[in-house]
Amino acid sequence: IDVATLTGAARSALGTDLPALFSNNDLLAADLLRNGEAE
Protein backbone atom coordinates (compact mmCIF):
# COMPACT_ATOMS: atom_id res chain seq x y z
CA ILE A 1 0.00 0.00 0.00
CA ASP A 2 1.30 3.45 -0.83
CA VAL A 3 -0.13 6.74 0.39
CA ALA A 4 0.73 10.09 -1.15
CA THR A 5 -0.39 13.69 -1.49
CA LEU A 6 0.21 13.14 -5.17
CA THR A 7 -2.05 15.13 -7.51
CA GLY A 8 -4.28 18.16 -7.60
CA ALA A 9 -6.28 16.25 -10.19
CA ALA A 10 -7.56 13.84 -7.52
CA ARG A 11 -8.72 16.79 -5.44
CA SER A 12 -10.44 18.37 -8.44
CA ALA A 13 -12.29 15.11 -9.03
CA LEU A 14 -13.15 14.14 -5.46
CA GLY A 15 -12.57 17.14 -3.20
CA THR A 16 -10.42 17.23 -0.11
CA ASP A 17 -12.20 14.69 2.12
CA LEU A 18 -12.43 11.73 -0.24
CA PRO A 19 -9.19 9.86 -1.00
CA ALA A 20 -8.78 8.49 -4.50
CA LEU A 21 -8.13 4.75 -4.49
CA PHE A 22 -6.34 2.89 -7.26
CA SER A 23 -5.63 -0.83 -7.15
CA ASN A 24 -4.51 -3.63 -9.42
CA ASN A 25 -6.53 -6.09 -7.35
CA ASP A 26 -10.33 -6.01 -7.34
CA LEU A 27 -10.64 -7.97 -4.09
CA LEU A 28 -8.29 -5.60 -2.28
CA ALA A 29 -10.13 -2.58 -3.66
CA ALA A 30 -13.48 -4.04 -2.57
CA ASP A 31 -12.13 -4.66 0.94
CA LEU A 32 -10.87 -1.11 1.24
CA LEU A 33 -14.12 0.39 -0.03
CA ARG A 34 -16.22 -1.80 2.30
CA ASN A 35 -14.09 -1.01 5.34
CA GLY A 36 -14.07 2.65 4.45
CA GLU A 37 -17.85 2.73 4.58
CA ALA A 38 -17.96 0.68 7.78
CA GLU A 39 -15.44 2.93 9.51
PDB file of all heavy atoms in Angstrom:
ATOM      1  N   ILE A   1       0.859  -1.188   0.000  1.00  0.00           N
ATOM      2  CA  ILE A   1       0.000   0.000   0.000  1.00  0.00           C
ATOM      3  C   ILE A   1       0.885   1.225   0.000  1.00  0.00           C
ATOM      4  O   ILE A   1       1.816   1.330   0.807  1.00  0.00           O
ATOM      5  CB  ILE A   1      -0.934   0.023   1.226  1.00  0.00           C
ATOM      6  CG1 ILE A   1      -1.919  -1.156   1.188  1.00  0.00           C
ATOM      7  CG2 ILE A   1      -1.697   1.343   1.307  1.00  0.00           C
ATOM      8  CD1 ILE A   1      -2.699  -1.340   2.471  1.00  0.00           C
ATOM      9  N   ASP A   2       0.607   2.163  -0.901  1.00  0.00           N
ATOM     10  CA  ASP A   2       1.297   3.454  -0.827  1.00  0.00           C
ATOM     11  C   ASP A   2       0.276   4.563  -0.628  1.00  0.00           C
ATOM     12  O   ASP A   2      -0.864   4.475  -1.079  1.00  0.00           O
ATOM     13  CB  ASP A   2       2.165   3.694  -2.068  1.00  0.00           C
ATOM     14  CG  ASP A   2       1.386   4.136  -3.290  1.00  0.00           C
ATOM     15  OD1 ASP A   2       0.983   5.314  -3.335  1.00  0.00           O
ATOM     16  OD2 ASP A   2       1.178   3.313  -4.199  1.00  0.00           O
ATOM     17  N   VAL A   3       0.719   5.590   0.082  1.00  0.00           N
ATOM     18  CA  VAL A   3      -0.134   6.737   0.390  1.00  0.00           C
ATOM     19  C   VAL A   3       0.654   7.993   0.026  1.00  0.00           C
ATOM     20  O   VAL A   3       1.827   8.123   0.392  1.00  0.00           O
ATOM     21  CB  VAL A   3      -0.525   6.774   1.880  1.00  0.00           C
ATOM     22  CG1 VAL A   3      -1.515   7.910   2.141  1.00  0.00           C
ATOM     23  CG2 VAL A   3      -1.119   5.439   2.317  1.00  0.00           C
ATOM     24  N   ALA A   4       0.009   8.909  -0.678  1.00  0.00           N
ATOM     25  CA  ALA A   4       0.726  10.088  -1.154  1.00  0.00           C
ATOM     26  C   ALA A   4      -0.214  11.258  -1.381  1.00  0.00           C
ATOM     27  O   ALA A   4      -1.342  11.081  -1.836  1.00  0.00           O
ATOM     28  CB  ALA A   4       1.460   9.768  -2.466  1.00  0.00           C
ATOM     29  N   THR A   5       0.272  12.452  -1.067  1.00  0.00           N
ATOM     30  CA  THR A   5      -0.388  13.687  -1.492  1.00  0.00           C
ATOM     31  C   THR A   5       0.105  13.954  -2.908  1.00  0.00           C
ATOM     32  O   THR A   5       0.975  14.789  -3.127  1.00  0.00           O
ATOM     33  CB  THR A   5      -0.004  14.847  -0.559  1.00  0.00           C
ATOM     34  OG1 THR A   5       1.438  14.895  -0.462  1.00  0.00           O
ATOM     35  CG2 THR A   5      -0.576  14.657   0.836  1.00  0.00           C
ATOM     36  N   LEU A   6      -0.462  13.236  -3.881  1.00  0.00           N
ATOM     37  CA  LEU A   6       0.210  13.141  -5.166  1.00  0.00           C
ATOM     38  C   LEU A   6      -0.270  14.139  -6.206  1.00  0.00           C
ATOM     39  O   LEU A   6       0.538  14.760  -6.880  1.00  0.00           O
ATOM     40  CB  LEU A   6       0.084  11.714  -5.715  1.00  0.00           C
ATOM     41  CG  LEU A   6       1.157  11.319  -6.731  1.00  0.00           C
ATOM     42  CD1 LEU A   6       2.543  11.396  -6.113  1.00  0.00           C
ATOM     43  CD2 LEU A   6       0.906   9.938  -7.285  1.00  0.00           C
ATOM     44  N   THR A   7      -1.588  14.309  -6.373  1.00  0.00           N
ATOM     45  CA  THR A   7      -2.049  15.132  -7.505  1.00  0.00           C
ATOM     46  C   THR A   7      -3.180  16.075  -7.120  1.00  0.00           C
ATOM     47  O   THR A   7      -4.081  15.713  -6.354  1.00  0.00           O
ATOM     48  CB  THR A   7      -2.558  14.249  -8.670  1.00  0.00           C
ATOM     49  OG1 THR A   7      -3.769  13.596  -8.291  1.00  0.00           O
ATOM     50  CG2 THR A   7      -1.517  13.224  -9.080  1.00  0.00           C
ATOM     51  N   GLY A   8      -3.143  17.265  -7.695  1.00  0.00           N
ATOM     52  CA  GLY A   8      -4.285  18.158  -7.597  1.00  0.00           C
ATOM     53  C   GLY A   8      -5.470  17.635  -8.378  1.00  0.00           C
ATOM     54  O   GLY A   8      -6.620  17.965  -8.075  1.00  0.00           O
ATOM     55  N   ALA A   9      -5.195  16.797  -9.378  1.00  0.00           N
ATOM     56  CA  ALA A   9      -6.280  16.247 -10.194  1.00  0.00           C
ATOM     57  C   ALA A   9      -7.229  15.404  -9.359  1.00  0.00           C
ATOM     58  O   ALA A   9      -8.447  15.412  -9.575  1.00  0.00           O
ATOM     59  CB  ALA A   9      -5.703  15.417 -11.340  1.00  0.00           C
ATOM     60  N   ALA A  10      -6.690  14.648  -8.392  1.00  0.00           N
ATOM     61  CA  ALA A  10      -7.555  13.842  -7.519  1.00  0.00           C
ATOM     62  C   ALA A  10      -8.442  14.738  -6.676  1.00  0.00           C
ATOM     63  O   ALA A  10      -9.610  14.418  -6.423  1.00  0.00           O
ATOM     64  CB  ALA A  10      -6.706  12.933  -6.635  1.00  0.00           C
ATOM     65  N   ARG A  11      -7.911  15.868  -6.244  1.00  0.00           N
ATOM     66  CA  ARG A  11      -8.721  16.791  -5.444  1.00  0.00           C
ATOM     67  C   ARG A  11      -9.778  17.474  -6.304  1.00  0.00           C
ATOM     68  O   ARG A  11     -10.888  17.727  -5.843  1.00  0.00           O
ATOM     69  CB  ARG A  11      -7.820  17.845  -4.791  1.00  0.00           C
ATOM     70  CG  ARG A  11      -6.652  17.281  -4.008  1.00  0.00           C
ATOM     71  CD  ARG A  11      -7.049  16.664  -2.685  1.00  0.00           C
ATOM     72  NE  ARG A  11      -7.841  15.459  -2.796  1.00  0.00           N
ATOM     73  CZ  ARG A  11      -7.328  14.238  -3.092  1.00  0.00           C
ATOM     74  NH1 ARG A  11      -6.059  14.095  -3.325  1.00  0.00           N
ATOM     75  NH2 ARG A  11      -8.112  13.175  -3.134  1.00  0.00           N
ATOM     76  N   SER A  12      -9.440  17.781  -7.541  1.00  0.00           N
ATOM     77  CA  SER A  12     -10.442  18.370  -8.435  1.00  0.00           C
ATOM     78  C   SER A  12     -11.587  17.399  -8.668  1.00  0.00           C
ATOM     79  O   SER A  12     -12.749  17.799  -8.761  1.00  0.00           O
ATOM     80  CB  SER A  12      -9.787  18.745  -9.771  1.00  0.00           C
ATOM     81  OG  SER A  12      -8.830  19.761  -9.590  1.00  0.00           O
ATOM     82  N   ALA A  13     -11.259  16.113  -8.766  1.00  0.00           N
ATOM     83  CA  ALA A  13     -12.289  15.109  -9.031  1.00  0.00           C
ATOM     84  C   ALA A  13     -13.119  14.802  -7.798  1.00  0.00           C
ATOM     85  O   ALA A  13     -14.349  14.646  -7.888  1.00  0.00           O
ATOM     86  CB  ALA A  13     -11.641  13.827  -9.553  1.00  0.00           C
ATOM     87  N   LEU A  14     -12.483  14.696  -6.635  1.00  0.00           N
ATOM     88  CA  LEU A  14     -13.153  14.142  -5.457  1.00  0.00           C
ATOM     89  C   LEU A  14     -13.196  15.080  -4.256  1.00  0.00           C
ATOM     90  O   LEU A  14     -13.784  14.741  -3.237  1.00  0.00           O
ATOM     91  CB  LEU A  14     -12.449  12.838  -5.036  1.00  0.00           C
ATOM     92  CG  LEU A  14     -12.417  11.731  -6.091  1.00  0.00           C
ATOM     93  CD1 LEU A  14     -11.598  10.547  -5.589  1.00  0.00           C
ATOM     94  CD2 LEU A  14     -13.823  11.293  -6.450  1.00  0.00           C
ATOM     95  N   GLY A  15     -12.588  16.242  -4.351  1.00  0.00           N
ATOM     96  CA  GLY A  15     -12.566  17.135  -3.205  1.00  0.00           C
ATOM     97  C   GLY A  15     -11.511  16.724  -2.204  1.00  0.00           C
ATOM     98  O   GLY A  15     -10.717  15.800  -2.419  1.00  0.00           O
ATOM     99  N   THR A  16     -11.507  17.407  -1.073  1.00  0.00           N
ATOM    100  CA  THR A  16     -10.416  17.230  -0.107  1.00  0.00           C
ATOM    101  C   THR A  16     -10.650  16.097   0.887  1.00  0.00           C
ATOM    102  O   THR A  16      -9.694  15.611   1.492  1.00  0.00           O
ATOM    103  CB  THR A  16     -10.202  18.530   0.676  1.00  0.00           C
ATOM    104  OG1 THR A  16     -11.422  18.884   1.353  1.00  0.00           O
ATOM    105  CG2 THR A  16      -9.797  19.663  -0.254  1.00  0.00           C
ATOM    106  N   ASP A  17     -11.903  15.679   1.081  1.00  0.00           N
ATOM    107  CA  ASP A  17     -12.202  14.690   2.119  1.00  0.00           C
ATOM    108  C   ASP A  17     -12.160  13.253   1.627  1.00  0.00           C
ATOM    109  O   ASP A  17     -12.091  12.326   2.432  1.00  0.00           O
ATOM    110  CB  ASP A  17     -13.607  14.932   2.706  1.00  0.00           C
ATOM    111  CG  ASP A  17     -13.705  16.245   3.452  1.00  0.00           C
ATOM    112  OD1 ASP A  17     -12.650  16.850   3.734  1.00  0.00           O
ATOM    113  OD2 ASP A  17     -14.837  16.673   3.740  1.00  0.00           O
ATOM    114  N   LEU A  18     -12.231  13.061   0.320  1.00  0.00           N
ATOM    115  CA  LEU A  18     -12.433  11.732  -0.241  1.00  0.00           C
ATOM    116  C   LEU A  18     -11.159  11.270  -0.951  1.00  0.00           C
ATOM    117  O   LEU A  18     -10.841  11.738  -2.040  1.00  0.00           O
ATOM    118  CB  LEU A  18     -13.606  11.775  -1.226  1.00  0.00           C
ATOM    119  CG  LEU A  18     -14.243  10.457  -1.659  1.00  0.00           C
ATOM    120  CD1 LEU A  18     -14.750   9.673  -0.463  1.00  0.00           C
ATOM    121  CD2 LEU A  18     -15.381  10.731  -2.635  1.00  0.00           C
ATOM    122  N   PRO A  19     -10.404  10.348  -0.343  1.00  0.00           N
ATOM    123  CA  PRO A  19      -9.189   9.860  -1.004  1.00  0.00           C
ATOM    124  C   PRO A  19      -9.514   9.093  -2.270  1.00  0.00           C
ATOM    125  O   PRO A  19     -10.508   8.358  -2.336  1.00  0.00           O
ATOM    126  CB  PRO A  19      -8.570   8.929   0.046  1.00  0.00           C
ATOM    127  CG  PRO A  19      -9.158   9.354   1.355  1.00  0.00           C
ATOM    128  CD  PRO A  19     -10.540   9.807   1.025  1.00  0.00           C
ATOM    129  N   ALA A  20      -8.669   9.277  -3.270  1.00  0.00           N
ATOM    130  CA  ALA A  20      -8.779   8.493  -4.497  1.00  0.00           C
ATOM    131  C   ALA A  20      -8.037   7.176  -4.288  1.00  0.00           C
ATOM    132  O   ALA A  20      -6.901   7.155  -3.819  1.00  0.00           O
ATOM    133  CB  ALA A  20      -8.180   9.254  -5.663  1.00  0.00           C
ATOM    134  N   LEU A  21      -8.694   6.095  -4.633  1.00  0.00           N
ATOM    135  CA  LEU A  21      -8.130   4.754  -4.489  1.00  0.00           C
ATOM    136  C   LEU A  21      -7.884   4.160  -5.868  1.00  0.00           C
ATOM    137  O   LEU A  21      -8.769   4.152  -6.721  1.00  0.00           O
ATOM    138  CB  LEU A  21      -9.096   3.863  -3.705  1.00  0.00           C
ATOM    139  CG  LEU A  21      -8.841   2.351  -3.745  1.00  0.00           C
ATOM    140  CD1 LEU A  21      -7.530   2.001  -3.059  1.00  0.00           C
ATOM    141  CD2 LEU A  21     -10.010   1.597  -3.123  1.00  0.00           C
ATOM    142  N   PHE A  22      -6.687   3.661  -6.059  1.00  0.00           N
ATOM    143  CA  PHE A  22      -6.339   2.891  -7.256  1.00  0.00           C
ATOM    144  C   PHE A  22      -5.823   1.545  -6.792  1.00  0.00           C
ATOM    145  O   PHE A  22      -5.114   1.457  -5.779  1.00  0.00           O
ATOM    146  CB  PHE A  22      -5.252   3.594  -8.071  1.00  0.00           C
ATOM    147  CG  PHE A  22      -5.648   4.923  -8.634  1.00  0.00           C
ATOM    148  CD1 PHE A  22      -5.500   6.082  -7.888  1.00  0.00           C
ATOM    149  CD2 PHE A  22      -6.145   5.022  -9.917  1.00  0.00           C
ATOM    150  CE1 PHE A  22      -5.851   7.321  -8.398  1.00  0.00           C
ATOM    151  CE2 PHE A  22      -6.502   6.255 -10.454  1.00  0.00           C
ATOM    152  CZ  PHE A  22      -6.352   7.400  -9.693  1.00  0.00           C
ATOM    153  N   SER A  23      -6.146   0.490  -7.520  1.00  0.00           N
ATOM    154  CA  SER A  23      -5.633  -0.830  -7.153  1.00  0.00           C
ATOM    155  C   SER A  23      -5.594  -1.737  -8.372  1.00  0.00           C
ATOM    156  O   SER A  23      -6.454  -1.645  -9.253  1.00  0.00           O
ATOM    157  CB  SER A  23      -6.503  -1.463  -6.058  1.00  0.00           C
ATOM    158  OG  SER A  23      -5.984  -2.720  -5.673  1.00  0.00           O
ATOM    159  N   ASN A  24      -4.608  -2.610  -8.373  1.00  0.00           N
ATOM    160  CA  ASN A  24      -4.507  -3.625  -9.423  1.00  0.00           C
ATOM    161  C   ASN A  24      -5.225  -4.911  -9.041  1.00  0.00           C
ATOM    162  O   ASN A  24      -5.141  -5.911  -9.761  1.00  0.00           O
ATOM    163  CB  ASN A  24      -3.035  -3.924  -9.728  1.00  0.00           C
ATOM    164  CG  ASN A  24      -2.312  -4.529  -8.521  1.00  0.00           C
ATOM    165  OD1 ASN A  24      -2.872  -4.647  -7.431  1.00  0.00           O
ATOM    166  ND2 ASN A  24      -1.056  -4.912  -8.723  1.00  0.00           N
ATOM    167  N   ASN A  25      -5.917  -4.887  -7.893  1.00  0.00           N
ATOM    168  CA  ASN A  25      -6.531  -6.093  -7.345  1.00  0.00           C
ATOM    169  C   ASN A  25      -7.957  -5.766  -6.923  1.00  0.00           C
ATOM    170  O   ASN A  25      -8.176  -5.003  -5.969  1.00  0.00           O
ATOM    171  CB  ASN A  25      -5.700  -6.589  -6.159  1.00  0.00           C
ATOM    172  CG  ASN A  25      -6.179  -7.912  -5.603  1.00  0.00           C
ATOM    173  OD1 ASN A  25      -7.254  -7.987  -5.021  1.00  0.00           O
ATOM    174  ND2 ASN A  25      -5.384  -8.958  -5.764  1.00  0.00           N
ATOM    175  N   ASP A  26      -8.929  -6.335  -7.615  1.00  0.00           N
ATOM    176  CA  ASP A  26     -10.329  -6.008  -7.340  1.00  0.00           C
ATOM    177  C   ASP A  26     -10.761  -6.410  -5.939  1.00  0.00           C
ATOM    178  O   ASP A  26     -11.564  -5.711  -5.296  1.00  0.00           O
ATOM    179  CB  ASP A  26     -11.243  -6.683  -8.365  1.00  0.00           C
ATOM    180  CG  ASP A  26     -11.129  -6.064  -9.753  1.00  0.00           C
ATOM    181  OD1 ASP A  26     -10.637  -4.922  -9.851  1.00  0.00           O
ATOM    182  OD2 ASP A  26     -11.527  -6.726 -10.730  1.00  0.00           O
ATOM    183  N   LEU A  27     -10.264  -7.539  -5.436  1.00  0.00           N
ATOM    184  CA  LEU A  27     -10.639  -7.974  -4.085  1.00  0.00           C
ATOM    185  C   LEU A  27     -10.102  -7.011  -3.033  1.00  0.00           C
ATOM    186  O   LEU A  27     -10.800  -6.661  -2.078  1.00  0.00           O
ATOM    187  CB  LEU A  27     -10.123  -9.391  -3.822  1.00  0.00           C
ATOM    188  CG  LEU A  27     -10.784 -10.505  -4.634  1.00  0.00           C
ATOM    189  CD1 LEU A  27     -10.125 -11.851  -4.323  1.00  0.00           C
ATOM    190  CD2 LEU A  27     -12.279 -10.575  -4.342  1.00  0.00           C
ATOM    191  N   LEU A  28      -8.864  -6.570  -3.204  1.00  0.00           N
ATOM    192  CA  LEU A  28      -8.293  -5.601  -2.275  1.00  0.00           C
ATOM    193  C   LEU A  28      -9.064  -4.291  -2.331  1.00  0.00           C
ATOM    194  O   LEU A  28      -9.387  -3.697  -1.284  1.00  0.00           O
ATOM    195  CB  LEU A  28      -6.816  -5.372  -2.608  1.00  0.00           C
ATOM    196  CG  LEU A  28      -6.114  -4.257  -1.838  1.00  0.00           C
ATOM    197  CD1 LEU A  28      -6.179  -4.484  -0.333  1.00  0.00           C
ATOM    198  CD2 LEU A  28      -4.655  -4.125  -2.311  1.00  0.00           C
ATOM    199  N   ALA A  29      -9.368  -3.831  -3.523  1.00  0.00           N
ATOM    200  CA  ALA A  29     -10.126  -2.581  -3.656  1.00  0.00           C
ATOM    201  C   ALA A  29     -11.488  -2.701  -2.985  1.00  0.00           C
ATOM    202  O   ALA A  29     -11.932  -1.786  -2.277  1.00  0.00           O
ATOM    203  CB  ALA A  29     -10.284  -2.228  -5.129  1.00  0.00           C
ATOM    204  N   ALA A  30     -12.161  -3.840  -3.184  1.00  0.00           N
ATOM    205  CA  ALA A  30     -13.477  -4.040  -2.567  1.00  0.00           C
ATOM    206  C   ALA A  30     -13.370  -4.034  -1.049  1.00  0.00           C
ATOM    207  O   ALA A  30     -14.232  -3.479  -0.361  1.00  0.00           O
ATOM    208  CB  ALA A  30     -14.081  -5.357  -3.060  1.00  0.00           C
ATOM    209  N   ASP A  31     -12.331  -4.660  -0.518  1.00  0.00           N
ATOM    210  CA  ASP A  31     -12.132  -4.664   0.941  1.00  0.00           C
ATOM    211  C   ASP A  31     -11.938  -3.249   1.472  1.00  0.00           C
ATOM    212  O   ASP A  31     -12.513  -2.867   2.509  1.00  0.00           O
ATOM    213  CB  ASP A  31     -10.912  -5.512   1.305  1.00  0.00           C
ATOM    214  CG  ASP A  31     -11.157  -7.007   1.151  1.00  0.00           C
ATOM    215  OD1 ASP A  31     -12.328  -7.408   0.998  1.00  0.00           O
ATOM    216  OD2 ASP A  31     -10.168  -7.773   1.183  1.00  0.00           O
ATOM    217  N   LEU A  32     -11.130  -2.472   0.788  1.00  0.00           N
ATOM    218  CA  LEU A  32     -10.875  -1.106   1.243  1.00  0.00           C
ATOM    219  C   LEU A  32     -12.129  -0.251   1.167  1.00  0.00           C
ATOM    220  O   LEU A  32     -12.423   0.529   2.091  1.00  0.00           O
ATOM    221  CB  LEU A  32      -9.759  -0.485   0.407  1.00  0.00           C
ATOM    222  CG  LEU A  32      -8.351  -0.973   0.722  1.00  0.00           C
ATOM    223  CD1 LEU A  32      -7.373  -0.586  -0.381  1.00  0.00           C
ATOM    224  CD2 LEU A  32      -7.875  -0.423   2.064  1.00  0.00           C
ATOM    225  N   LEU A  33     -12.889  -0.392   0.097  1.00  0.00           N
ATOM    226  CA  LEU A  33     -14.125   0.385  -0.034  1.00  0.00           C
ATOM    227  C   LEU A  33     -15.134  -0.010   1.035  1.00  0.00           C
ATOM    228  O   LEU A  33     -15.795   0.848   1.647  1.00  0.00           O
ATOM    229  CB  LEU A  33     -14.712   0.192  -1.431  1.00  0.00           C
ATOM    230  CG  LEU A  33     -13.896   0.771  -2.589  1.00  0.00           C
ATOM    231  CD1 LEU A  33     -14.482   0.326  -3.920  1.00  0.00           C
ATOM    232  CD2 LEU A  33     -13.838   2.284  -2.506  1.00  0.00           C
ATOM    233  N   ARG A  34     -15.272  -1.321   1.285  1.00  0.00           N
ATOM    234  CA  ARG A  34     -16.217  -1.797   2.296  1.00  0.00           C
ATOM    235  C   ARG A  34     -15.818  -1.315   3.690  1.00  0.00           C
ATOM    236  O   ARG A  34     -16.648  -0.821   4.466  1.00  0.00           O
ATOM    237  CB  ARG A  34     -16.281  -3.325   2.269  1.00  0.00           C
ATOM    238  CG  ARG A  34     -17.324  -3.898   3.246  1.00  0.00           C
ATOM    239  CD  ARG A  34     -17.322  -5.409   3.263  1.00  0.00           C
ATOM    240  NE  ARG A  34     -16.060  -5.946   3.785  1.00  0.00           N
ATOM    241  CZ  ARG A  34     -15.120  -6.500   3.061  1.00  0.00           C
ATOM    242  NH1 ARG A  34     -15.254  -6.607   1.743  1.00  0.00           N
ATOM    243  NH2 ARG A  34     -14.012  -6.955   3.621  1.00  0.00           N
ATOM    244  N   ASN A  35     -14.544  -1.443   4.021  1.00  0.00           N
ATOM    245  CA  ASN A  35     -14.085  -1.008   5.343  1.00  0.00           C
ATOM    246  C   ASN A  35     -14.130   0.502   5.488  1.00  0.00           C
ATOM    247  O   ASN A  35     -14.364   1.015   6.585  1.00  0.00           O
ATOM    248  CB  ASN A  35     -12.675  -1.536   5.598  1.00  0.00           C
ATOM    249  CG  ASN A  35     -12.662  -3.018   5.915  1.00  0.00           C
ATOM    250  OD1 ASN A  35     -13.489  -3.495   6.678  1.00  0.00           O
ATOM    251  ND2 ASN A  35     -11.737  -3.757   5.330  1.00  0.00           N
ATOM    252  N   GLY A  36     -13.932   1.199   4.385  1.00  0.00           N
ATOM    253  CA  GLY A  36     -14.066   2.646   4.445  1.00  0.00           C
ATOM    254  C   GLY A  36     -15.470   3.068   4.821  1.00  0.00           C
ATOM    255  O   GLY A  36     -15.675   3.963   5.655  1.00  0.00           O
ATOM    256  N   GLU A  37     -16.464   2.426   4.226  1.00  0.00           N
ATOM    257  CA  GLU A  37     -17.851   2.731   4.575  1.00  0.00           C
ATOM    258  C   GLU A  37     -18.153   2.338   6.017  1.00  0.00           C
ATOM    259  O   GLU A  37     -18.796   3.084   6.762  1.00  0.00           O
ATOM    260  CB  GLU A  37     -18.801   2.009   3.622  1.00  0.00           C
ATOM    261  CG  GLU A  37     -18.806   2.566   2.211  1.00  0.00           C
ATOM    262  CD  GLU A  37     -19.293   3.997   2.152  1.00  0.00           C
ATOM    263  OE1 GLU A  37     -20.173   4.376   2.948  1.00  0.00           O
ATOM    264  OE2 GLU A  37     -18.800   4.758   1.294  1.00  0.00           O
ATOM    265  N   ALA A  38     -17.689   1.165   6.427  1.00  0.00           N
ATOM    266  CA  ALA A  38     -17.961   0.678   7.785  1.00  0.00           C
ATOM    267  C   ALA A  38     -17.325   1.562   8.841  1.00  0.00           C
ATOM    268  O   ALA A  38     -17.880   1.744   9.934  1.00  0.00           O
ATOM    269  CB  ALA A  38     -17.467  -0.762   7.926  1.00  0.00           C
ATOM    270  N   GLU A  39     -16.164   2.126   8.539  1.00  0.00           N
ATOM    271  CA  GLU A  39     -15.436   2.933   9.514  1.00  0.00           C
ATOM    272  C   GLU A  39     -15.753   4.418   9.410  1.00  0.00           C
ATOM    273  O   GLU A  39     -15.176   5.225  10.130  1.00  0.00           O
ATOM    274  CB  GLU A  39     -13.925   2.726   9.341  1.00  0.00           C
ATOM    275  CG  GLU A  39     -13.436   1.314   9.602  1.00  0.00           C
ATOM    276  CD  GLU A  39     -13.489   0.937  11.074  1.00  0.00           C
ATOM    277  OE1 GLU A  39     -13.748   1.831  11.907  1.00  0.00           O
ATOM    278  OE2 GLU A  39     -13.265  -0.248  11.392  1.00  0.00           O
TER     279      GLU A  39
END
